[in-house]
Amino acid sequence: MPSAILPPVQGELLLLLVFHLVLTALPGVATSLSGARLGLRQVPVLLGLGLAATGVAAIVAFWAYYWDRTAGQSFSFFVLFGSLLLIGWSLRGGRLERALLRRLATPLLLWGLGSGFLLFLGFLHGGFEEPVGTAASRFSATLPADNVLPLFFSEWFYLFGHRGTPPVFPGEWLSSDRPPLQIGYVLAQRPLALKADAFHYQVLCVTLQQLWIVGLWALLLAARVGRVTRALAMVTVLVSGLAIVNGFFVWPKMLPTAMLLAAAALVLTPLWDEQRRSPWGAALVAALCALALLAHGGSVFGVIALALVAVWRGLPSRRWLAVAALVAIALMAPWSAYQKYGDPPGNRLTKLTLAGVTEVDDRGVGEAIVDAYGEAGLGGSLQNKGENFTMMVGDDLMVETVDNALESGEAREIVAAARAVVFFNFLPSLGLLLLAPMAMLLARRRAPPAAEWSFALVCFATVAVGAVVWGLLVFGSPPMRTVLHVGSYLLPVLAMAGAVVGLRASFPRFALYWVGCWALLSLALYVPALTPPPGTSYSFLAGLLAALSLGGFLAVSLDSRA
């Protein structure tokens, strides 16, 4: 047992990681393998099916527990044993080629290694006694309690279901104000865990946020980029502030990004020509987008961007659209009904984002939007939109924060300021990767690799479309402007992936060094613990395990058999 070799806390962390990785993966693995057994051989599609299956299982678990705890527990065990039986049936007789199984196993191994890297990096300076509190300050200034909200409401729904009105979360947040997908994942594994505590929750939810690894791998496979380029893009996102901060502080931001990346694998790549003609493709794309929305409302900006680019790349048939609409309605209608009838009104976050309404009131979304724009007037509204786009490229507060840190000359202040920039401002968060578009302009006449060049351009186009939609739809007045966490993290992930692929297509050897420098700078920025919990110290073993996980991640992603 690992706990016999490692110190007790590190051993428990490793055991919990494996435990939750297996439980989370089972329905996805079962669905992917059964799809392969039935003749499907496109790995990106199989990975998308797997991600969708885990999400559907989680949302059904949520509704099962809402109905009755016994029903929910029964469903949890049904998913466990049903997945095992389906995996056994799929592998029976050796009908699946070893090469296909290896290609399907690679992103799972990357997901496990990426989750291990983040967990051991997160607890590098201890903090096991208060894991969710540690997560709130480990890589940034102390963040609000949004990471606790799914744990809070999952406990209520587990104990009481639909009996009574759920309590109000501190800050006057209702259970209907935030979508329930992460709660569903927690509930699905609740009866299978030996105990339900914050440590279990933190480990499970880190693995959920790291599912972006599977989604991005599917996207890069579907885009047919080279092996080294693919590995560089994966490592770039893994060590970015986006994945580190939002993966360890487990508010459900990266989880919906995983679903949207899997949808992007079907929409932004050559697979779209086939998928837009298939009703099964319609069902899968719609399910992934609906699950993203059921994880976080900000996903709407990513969904709109994908939809607009999909129309540009080739409009699906009416039948395709009808199937997609039916699947989306089937998944989302129950939650919409709960918001209206179960714990109304459930529109606070929508009003905050689209109308800038910070106080709790009885107005509907439409009324709040009309009132907000009427009060701002044309001039004020245009100014708000301008400030939205300014926020994306870096506002005056960002400049002031950086200047003050540099003037202080203290390394701690400079690191904290840099972390704040990465957390809040879209384009500055990309840092050295912003060189990519300029490098592509210089190399446009050198006949770069067609697949990589085309994919980078599609990524940039999607990001541009999404940024315009995001800037126009967010109301814009403080505090609800286009800071990164208000939108969809699909956009910065696509920006990073497109930048790496574009650099490799333009200047392959230079890209290795440039992206390597970016990764080292990012690690240097996030390894230090600026506000460590009292009585803790750096753990050499945790650092070693994080380094081994990162090294393993790079080695697996570079494997020519993947």
Foldseek 3Di string as FASTA:
>chain_A
DQCVVDPNVVSVLVVLLVVLLCLLQLQLLLQLLLVVLVPDQQLLVSLLSSLLRSLVLLLVLLLLLLVPLVSSQVSLVCSVVVSVVSNCVSPPPNPDDPLSVLSNCLLSLLLSLLLLLLVLLLCLFHPLVPQLQSLQAFFAHRDDSLLCVLVQVLVVSNVQRLNDARDADPVRHGPLQWFHRLNSSCSSCCVVDPHDDVSSSQSNLLSLLSLLSSLQLSQCVQLVFDLLLSLLLSLLVSLALVSNSCSNNRQLASNLLSLLSSLCSCQLGPNVVVLLADLVSLLSNLSSLLSSCSRGVLSVLLVVLSVVSSVVVPHHDPSSVVSSVVNSCVSCVVSCVCQVPRHYDNCQLVLCFQQVDSDDDDDDNVVSNVVRCVVCDPVNQVVLLVVQVCQQVDDPVLVVQCVVLVVVVDPLSNLNSLSVCLQFHNPVSLPLLVCLVVLCVVQVPVPFDPSLQSLLVSLVSSLVSSSSVSSNRGRRDPPRGVTPSSHHCNNSSSSSSSSSSSCCRRPVVVSVVSSVVVSVVSCVSNSDRSDRDPPTRRDPVSVVSSVVSSVVSSVSSSDPSD
